[in-house]
Amino acid sequence: MSINSFSADLSPVRPGRGRRPAAEVRKRVLAAAAELLFDQGLAAVTFDRVAARAGASKTTLYKWWPSAGALAAEAYFNRVEHTLEFPDTGDIAADLRTQLRAFVHLMTREGAGSVIAELVGAAQTDPALRQAFSVSYSRPRRDLAIAYLQRARERGQLREGFSLQIIVDQLWGACYHRLLIPDEPLTIEFAEELVSNALLGASPAQRDA
């Protein structure tokens, strides 16, 4: 699912509807924050602007998020979550390539690269954003990858004694490095070569050799 095909109903709230369910309000707020984030950048995500766009109370936003940066981090994950779903077909090389291709495409072709760079940069000085980024995005993504790699190891596709955390760092860490320090381009070809190199070192055949 492309984030460019993402849609949310942000039509004006009709008067007389009464109190809306919290889940509906939260959904509209996250969608409004994501639109501002992807269209205009992190600086555009303020409680005033998000509340106005979502038709929500600013007091509600202050109650749910400790800072506008924290809201932006959760909105980012909410926007890209389906795009970054992790396949599990039983073919570890194909699955990792599929996931890395989706990640690179999201970063380089769908506008997420500049957004994630802003979030990572702001997280260095905004503790609330940093916490939200970890809780909403980076930690769940890492845990999802580790769980997949553990299943692959249980199928005999990865050798014992090799850190699964290191594999995650080799794959996604290298992509983030090229994204944030753009001396070299972040490309699909680069991502696929990362998968080949990581599996070469972690495969049972390599241990036997």
C-alpha atoms as a PDB file:
ATOM      1  CA  MET A   1       0.000   0.000   0.000  1.00  0.00           C
ATOM      2  CA  SER A   2       1.502   3.337  -1.026  1.00  0.00           C
ATOM      3  CA  ILE A   3       1.329   6.236   1.394  1.00  0.00           C
ATOM      4  CA  ASN A   4       0.325   8.348  -1.594  1.00  0.00           C
ATOM      5  CA  SER A   5      -2.859   6.289  -1.789  1.00  0.00           C
ATOM      6  CA  PHE A   6      -3.505   6.826   1.899  1.00  0.00           C
ATOM      7  CA  SER A   7      -6.751   8.629   2.525  1.00  0.00           C
ATOM      8  CA  ALA A   8      -8.590   9.736   5.587  1.00  0.00           C
ATOM      9  CA  ASP A   9     -11.924  11.415   5.964  1.00  0.00           C
ATOM     10  CA  LEU A  10     -11.107  14.935   7.094  1.00  0.00           C
ATOM     11  CA  SER A  11     -14.314  16.477   5.848  1.00  0.00           C
ATOM     12  CA  PRO A  12     -15.763  19.089   8.222  1.00  0.00           C
ATOM     13  CA  VAL A  13     -17.489  17.637  11.242  1.00  0.00           C
ATOM     14  CA  ARG A  14     -21.242  18.098  10.931  1.00  0.00           C
ATOM     15  CA  PRO A  15     -22.826  20.113  13.757  1.00  0.00           C
ATOM     16  CA  GLY A  16     -25.249  18.381  16.023  1.00  0.00           C
ATOM     17  CA  ARG A  17     -23.455  15.043  16.013  1.00  0.00           C
ATOM     18  CA  GLY A  18     -22.748  15.233  19.740  1.00  0.00           C
ATOM     19  CA  ARG A  19     -19.603  13.953  21.367  1.00  0.00           C
ATOM     20  CA  ARG A  20     -17.503  11.864  18.979  1.00  0.00           C
ATOM     21  CA  PRO A  21     -15.855   8.613  20.113  1.00  0.00           C
ATOM     22  CA  ALA A  22     -12.265   9.101  21.224  1.00  0.00           C
ATOM     23  CA  ALA A  23     -11.014   6.604  18.647  1.00  0.00           C
ATOM     24  CA  GLU A  24     -12.600   8.611  15.832  1.00  0.00           C
ATOM     25  CA  VAL A  25     -11.103  11.860  17.106  1.00  0.00           C
ATOM     26  CA  ARG A  26      -7.669  10.282  17.459  1.00  0.00           C
ATOM     27  CA  LYS A  27      -7.831   8.875  13.938  1.00  0.00           C
ATOM     28  CA  ARG A  28      -8.692  12.285  12.501  1.00  0.00           C
ATOM     29  CA  VAL A  29      -5.958  13.988  14.515  1.00  0.00           C
ATOM     30  CA  LEU A  30      -3.290  11.531  13.356  1.00  0.00           C
ATOM     31  CA  ALA A  31      -4.431  11.856   9.747  1.00  0.00           C
ATOM     32  CA  ALA A  32      -4.375  15.665   9.958  1.00  0.00           C
ATOM     33  CA  ALA A  33      -0.916  15.639  11.548  1.00  0.00           C
ATOM     34  CA  ALA A  34       0.401  13.263   8.882  1.00  0.00           C
ATOM     35  CA  GLU A  35      -0.922  15.466   6.088  1.00  0.00           C
ATOM     36  CA  LEU A  36       0.823  18.513   7.523  1.00  0.00           C
ATOM     37  CA  LEU A  37       4.001  16.542   8.185  1.00  0.00           C
ATOM     38  CA  PHE A  38       4.313  15.107   4.688  1.00  0.00           C
ATOM     39  CA  ASP A  39       3.085  18.201   2.856  1.00  0.00           C
ATOM     40  CA  GLN A  40       4.835  20.967   4.794  1.00  0.00           C
ATOM     41  CA  GLY A  41       7.368  19.408   7.145  1.00  0.00           C
ATOM     42  CA  LEU A  42       7.760  19.003  10.884  1.00  0.00           C
ATOM     43  CA  ALA A  43       7.527  22.727  11.666  1.00  0.00           C
ATOM     44  CA  ALA A  44       3.961  22.733  10.315  1.00  0.00           C
ATOM     45  CA  VAL A  45       2.796  20.199  12.902  1.00  0.00           C
ATOM     46  CA  THR A  46       1.549  22.408  15.712  1.00  0.00           C
ATOM     47  CA  PHE A  47      -1.323  21.720  18.069  1.00  0.00           C
ATOM     48  CA  ASP A  48      -3.154  24.775  16.743  1.00  0.00           C
ATOM     49  CA  ARG A  49      -2.954  23.724  13.100  1.00  0.00           C
ATOM     50  CA  VAL A  50      -3.639  20.037  13.703  1.00  0.00           C
ATOM     51  CA  ALA A  51      -6.644  20.758  15.935  1.00  0.00           C
ATOM     52  CA  ALA A  52      -8.102  23.125  13.350  1.00  0.00           C
ATOM     53  CA  ARG A  53      -7.616  20.669  10.501  1.00  0.00           C
ATOM     54  CA  ALA A  54      -8.983  17.701  12.450  1.00  0.00           C
ATOM     55  CA  GLY A  55     -11.914  19.591  13.963  1.00  0.00           C
ATOM     56  CA  ALA A  56     -10.668  18.631  17.420  1.00  0.00           C
ATOM     57  CA  SER A  57     -10.113  20.466  20.670  1.00  0.00           C
ATOM     58  CA  LYS A  58      -6.575  21.672  21.270  1.00  0.00           C
ATOM     59  CA  THR A  59      -7.050  20.657  24.908  1.00  0.00           C
ATOM     60  CA  THR A  60      -7.540  17.076  23.737  1.00  0.00           C
ATOM     61  CA  LEU A  61      -4.250  17.137  21.857  1.00  0.00           C
ATOM     62  CA  TYR A  62      -2.396  18.435  24.903  1.00  0.00           C
ATOM     63  CA  LYS A  63      -3.994  15.653  26.940  1.00  0.00           C
ATOM     64  CA  TRP A  64      -2.928  12.885  24.536  1.00  0.00           C
ATOM     65  CA  TRP A  65       0.538  14.036  23.436  1.00  0.00           C
ATOM     66  CA  PRO A  66       3.275  15.736  25.494  1.00  0.00           C
ATOM     67  CA  SER A  67       4.504  17.739  22.496  1.00  0.00           C
ATOM     68  CA  ALA A  68       3.714  18.408  18.869  1.00  0.00           C
ATOM     69  CA  GLY A  69       6.856  16.455  17.993  1.00  0.00           C
ATOM     70  CA  ALA A  70       5.505  13.400  19.807  1.00  0.00           C
ATOM     71  CA  LEU A  71       2.273  13.735  17.833  1.00  0.00           C
ATOM     72  CA  ALA A  72       4.252  14.000  14.595  1.00  0.00           C
ATOM     73  CA  ALA A  73       6.199  10.822  15.381  1.00  0.00           C
ATOM     74  CA  GLU A  74       3.036   8.810  16.006  1.00  0.00           C
ATOM     75  CA  ALA A  75       1.385  10.300  12.923  1.00  0.00           C
ATOM     76  CA  TYR A  76       4.369   9.253  10.819  1.00  0.00           C
ATOM     77  CA  PHE A  77       4.155   5.634  11.953  1.00  0.00           C
ATOM     78  CA  ASN A  78       0.384   5.603  11.505  1.00  0.00           C
ATOM     79  CA  ARG A  79       0.875   6.790   7.920  1.00  0.00           C
ATOM     80  CA  VAL A  80       3.573   4.276   6.886  1.00  0.00           C
ATOM     81  CA  GLU A  81       2.677   1.214   8.964  1.00  0.00           C
ATOM     82  CA  HIS A  82       0.886  -0.708   6.206  1.00  0.00           C
ATOM     83  CA  THR A  83       3.543   0.147   3.627  1.00  0.00           C
ATOM     84  CA  LEU A  84       6.215  -1.439   5.823  1.00  0.00           C
ATOM     85  CA  GLU A  85       4.391  -4.660   6.663  1.00  0.00           C
ATOM     86  CA  PHE A  86       6.855  -7.539   6.916  1.00  0.00           C
ATOM     87  CA  PRO A  87       6.193 -10.495   4.590  1.00  0.00           C
ATOM     88  CA  ASP A  88       6.861 -14.048   5.773  1.00  0.00           C
ATOM     89  CA  THR A  89       6.715 -16.491   2.874  1.00  0.00           C
ATOM     90  CA  GLY A  90       9.393 -18.796   4.263  1.00  0.00           C
ATOM     91  CA  ASP A  91      11.977 -17.541   1.757  1.00  0.00           C
ATOM     92  CA  ILE A  92      14.260 -15.358   3.867  1.00  0.00           C
ATOM     93  CA  ALA A  93      16.164 -13.784   0.973  1.00  0.00           C
ATOM     94  CA  ALA A  94      12.979 -12.891  -0.909  1.00  0.00           C
ATOM     95  CA  ASP A  95      11.239 -11.598   2.211  1.00  0.00           C
ATOM     96  CA  LEU A  96      14.133  -9.367   3.256  1.00  0.00           C
ATOM     97  CA  ARG A  97      14.508  -7.997  -0.252  1.00  0.00           C
ATOM     98  CA  THR A  98      10.781  -7.282  -0.460  1.00  0.00           C
ATOM     99  CA  GLN A  99      10.830  -5.447   2.857  1.00  0.00           C
ATOM    100  CA  LEU A 100      13.999  -3.478   2.086  1.00  0.00           C
ATOM    101  CA  ARG A 101      12.711  -2.532  -1.375  1.00  0.00           C
ATOM    102  CA  ALA A 102       9.497  -1.227   0.200  1.00  0.00           C
ATOM    103  CA  PHE A 103      11.516   0.728   2.754  1.00  0.00           C
ATOM    104  CA  VAL A 104      13.817   2.292   0.161  1.00  0.00           C
ATOM    105  CA  HIS A 105      10.898   3.136  -2.132  1.00  0.00           C
ATOM    106  CA  LEU A 106       9.071   4.773   0.768  1.00  0.00           C
ATOM    107  CA  MET A 107      12.108   6.849   1.675  1.00  0.00           C
ATOM    108  CA  THR A 108      13.181   7.895  -1.806  1.00  0.00           C
ATOM    109  CA  ARG A 109      10.003   7.962  -3.902  1.00  0.00           C
ATOM    110  CA  GLU A 110       7.135   8.758  -1.540  1.00  0.00           C
ATOM    111  CA  GLY A 111       8.507  11.623   0.509  1.00  0.00           C
ATOM    112  CA  ALA A 112       9.190   9.792   3.747  1.00  0.00           C
ATOM    113  CA  GLY A 113      12.959  10.276   3.603  1.00  0.00           C
ATOM    114  CA  SER A 114      12.896  14.001   4.338  1.00  0.00           C
ATOM    115  CA  VAL A 115      10.263  13.448   7.020  1.00  0.00           C
ATOM    116  CA  ILE A 116      12.248  10.775   8.846  1.00  0.00           C
ATOM    117  CA  ALA A 117      15.384  12.911   8.630  1.00  0.00           C
ATOM    118  CA  GLU A 118      13.535  15.801  10.301  1.00  0.00           C
ATOM    119  CA  LEU A 119      12.153  13.526  13.010  1.00  0.00           C
ATOM    120  CA  VAL A 120      15.537  11.963  13.776  1.00  0.00           C
ATOM    121  CA  GLY A 121      17.167  15.381  13.886  1.00  0.00           C
ATOM    122  CA  ALA A 122      14.536  16.903  16.160  1.00  0.00           C
ATOM    123  CA  ALA A 123      14.621  13.847  18.440  1.00  0.00           C
ATOM    124  CA  GLN A 124      18.136  14.803  19.509  1.00  0.00           C
ATOM    125  CA  THR A 125      16.796  17.813  21.432  1.00  0.00           C
ATOM    126  CA  ASP A 126      13.138  16.887  22.026  1.00  0.00           C
ATOM    127  CA  PRO A 127      12.876  14.109  24.658  1.00  0.00           C
ATOM    128  CA  ALA A 128       9.130  13.665  24.111  1.00  0.00           C
ATOM    129  CA  LEU A 129       9.594  13.237  20.371  1.00  0.00           C
ATOM    130  CA  ARG A 130      12.491  10.844  20.949  1.00  0.00           C
ATOM    131  CA  GLN A 131      10.370   8.703  23.273  1.00  0.00           C
ATOM    132  CA  ALA A 132       7.412   8.726  20.883  1.00  0.00           C
ATOM    133  CA  PHE A 133       9.641   7.870  17.925  1.00  0.00           C
ATOM    134  CA  SER A 134      11.024   4.872  19.801  1.00  0.00           C
ATOM    135  CA  VAL A 135       7.668   3.678  21.128  1.00  0.00           C
ATOM    136  CA  SER A 136       5.645   4.312  17.967  1.00  0.00           C
ATOM    137  CA  TYR A 137       8.149   3.522  15.243  1.00  0.00           C
ATOM    138  CA  SER A 138      11.755   2.436  15.692  1.00  0.00           C
ATOM    139  CA  ARG A 139      11.340  -0.117  18.490  1.00  0.00           C
ATOM    140  CA  PRO A 140       8.272  -1.835  16.970  1.00  0.00           C
ATOM    141  CA  ARG A 141      10.064  -1.978  13.583  1.00  0.00           C
ATOM    142  CA  ARG A 142      13.153  -3.534  15.184  1.00  0.00           C
ATOM    143  CA  ASP A 143      11.090  -6.011  17.206  1.00  0.00           C
ATOM    144  CA  LEU A 144       9.178  -7.037  14.082  1.00  0.00           C
ATOM    145  CA  ALA A 145      12.431  -7.687  12.194  1.00  0.00           C
ATOM    146  CA  ILE A 146      13.943  -9.625  15.115  1.00  0.00           C
ATOM    147  CA  ALA A 147      10.826 -11.802  15.406  1.00  0.00           C
ATOM    148  CA  TYR A 148      10.984 -12.567  11.683  1.00  0.00           C
ATOM    149  CA  LEU A 149      14.694 -13.429  11.839  1.00  0.00           C
ATOM    150  CA  GLN A 150      14.104 -15.649  14.877  1.00  0.00           C
ATOM    151  CA  ARG A 151      11.498 -17.620  12.933  1.00  0.00           C
ATOM    152  CA  ALA A 152      13.973 -17.931  10.058  1.00  0.00           C
ATOM    153  CA  ARG A 153      16.591 -19.253  12.474  1.00  0.00           C
ATOM    154  CA  GLU A 154      14.114 -21.793  13.824  1.00  0.00           C
ATOM    155  CA  ARG A 155      13.594 -22.956  10.210  1.00  0.00           C
ATOM    156  CA  GLY A 156      17.351 -23.493   9.907  1.00  0.00           C
ATOM    157  CA  GLN A 157      17.902 -20.536   7.565  1.00  0.00           C
ATOM    158  CA  LEU A 158      20.245 -18.662   9.921  1.00  0.00           C
ATOM    159  CA  ARG A 159      23.012 -20.148  12.019  1.00  0.00           C
ATOM    160  CA  GLU A 160      23.126 -20.068  15.800  1.00  0.00           C
ATOM    161  CA  GLY A 161      25.634 -17.838  17.530  1.00  0.00           C
ATOM    162  CA  PHE A 162      25.032 -14.920  15.172  1.00  0.00           C
ATOM    163  CA  SER A 163      23.406 -11.795  16.615  1.00  0.00           C
ATOM    164  CA  LEU A 164      20.031 -11.059  15.048  1.00  0.00           C
ATOM    165  CA  GLN A 165      20.366  -7.498  16.326  1.00  0.00           C
ATOM    166  CA  ILE A 166      23.495  -7.129  14.210  1.00  0.00           C
ATOM    167  CA  ILE A 167      21.657  -8.301  11.094  1.00  0.00           C
ATOM    168  CA  VAL A 168      19.025  -5.621  11.676  1.00  0.00           C
ATOM    169  CA  ASP A 169      21.737  -3.002  12.084  1.00  0.00           C
ATOM    170  CA  GLN A 170      23.544  -4.214   8.957  1.00  0.00           C
ATOM    171  CA  LEU A 171      20.404  -3.951   6.840  1.00  0.00           C
ATOM    172  CA  TRP A 172      18.297  -1.042   8.066  1.00  0.00           C
ATOM    173  CA  GLY A 173      21.148   0.777   9.794  1.00  0.00           C
ATOM    174  CA  ALA A 174      23.063   0.983   6.538  1.00  0.00           C
ATOM    175  CA  CYS A 175      19.967   2.340   4.777  1.00  0.00           C
ATOM    176  CA  TYR A 176      19.467   5.005   7.427  1.00  0.00           C
ATOM    177  CA  HIS A 177      23.147   5.917   7.157  1.00  0.00           C
ATOM    178  CA  ARG A 178      22.790   6.636   3.438  1.00  0.00           C
ATOM    179  CA  LEU A 179      19.541   8.466   4.050  1.00  0.00           C
ATOM    180  CA  LEU A 180      20.920  10.765   6.746  1.00  0.00           C
ATOM    181  CA  ILE A 181      24.471  11.159   5.408  1.00  0.00           C
ATOM    182  CA  PRO A 182      23.854  11.445   1.667  1.00  0.00           C
ATOM    183  CA  ASP A 183      27.405  10.933   0.398  1.00  0.00           C
ATOM    184  CA  GLU A 184      26.131   7.871  -1.468  1.00  0.00           C
ATOM    185  CA  PRO A 185      22.605   7.286  -2.803  1.00  0.00           C
ATOM    186  CA  LEU A 186      20.057   5.057  -1.130  1.00  0.00           C
ATOM    187  CA  THR A 187      18.948   2.720  -3.920  1.00  0.00           C
ATOM    188  CA  ILE A 188      17.125  -0.549  -4.433  1.00  0.00           C
ATOM    189  CA  GLU A 189      20.343  -2.092  -5.745  1.00  0.00           C
ATOM    190  CA  PHE A 190      22.176  -1.098  -2.577  1.00  0.00           C
ATOM    191  CA  ALA A 191      19.455  -2.641  -0.398  1.00  0.00           C
ATOM    192  CA  GLU A 192      19.512  -5.911  -2.333  1.00  0.00           C
ATOM    193  CA  GLU A 193      23.290  -6.145  -2.029  1.00  0.00           C
ATOM    194  CA  LEU A 194      22.977  -5.585   1.712  1.00  0.00           C
ATOM    195  CA  VAL A 195      20.673  -8.593   1.950  1.00  0.00           C
ATOM    196  CA  SER A 196      23.075 -10.784  -0.049  1.00  0.00           C
ATOM    197  CA  ASN A 197      26.049  -9.770   2.094  1.00  0.00           C
ATOM    198  CA  ALA A 198      24.209 -10.199   5.403  1.00  0.00           C
ATOM    199  CA  LEU A 199      22.910 -13.647   4.507  1.00  0.00           C
ATOM    200  CA  LEU A 200      26.315 -14.742   3.245  1.00  0.00           C
ATOM    201  CA  GLY A 201      27.751 -14.175   6.699  1.00  0.00           C
ATOM    202  CA  ALA A 202      24.800 -15.541   8.663  1.00  0.00           C
ATOM    203  CA  SER A 203      23.876 -18.652   6.682  1.00  0.00           C
ATOM    204  CA  PRO A 204      24.425 -22.164   8.071  1.00  0.00           C
ATOM    205  CA  ALA A 205      26.550 -22.960   5.020  1.00  0.00           C
ATOM    206  CA  GLN A 206      28.975 -20.185   5.967  1.00  0.00           C
ATOM    207  CA  ARG A 207      29.437 -21.704   9.425  1.00  0.00           C
ATOM    208  CA  ASP A 208      30.093 -25.134   7.949  1.00  0.00           C
ATOM    209  CA  ALA A 209      32.686 -23.676   5.572  1.00  0.00           C
END
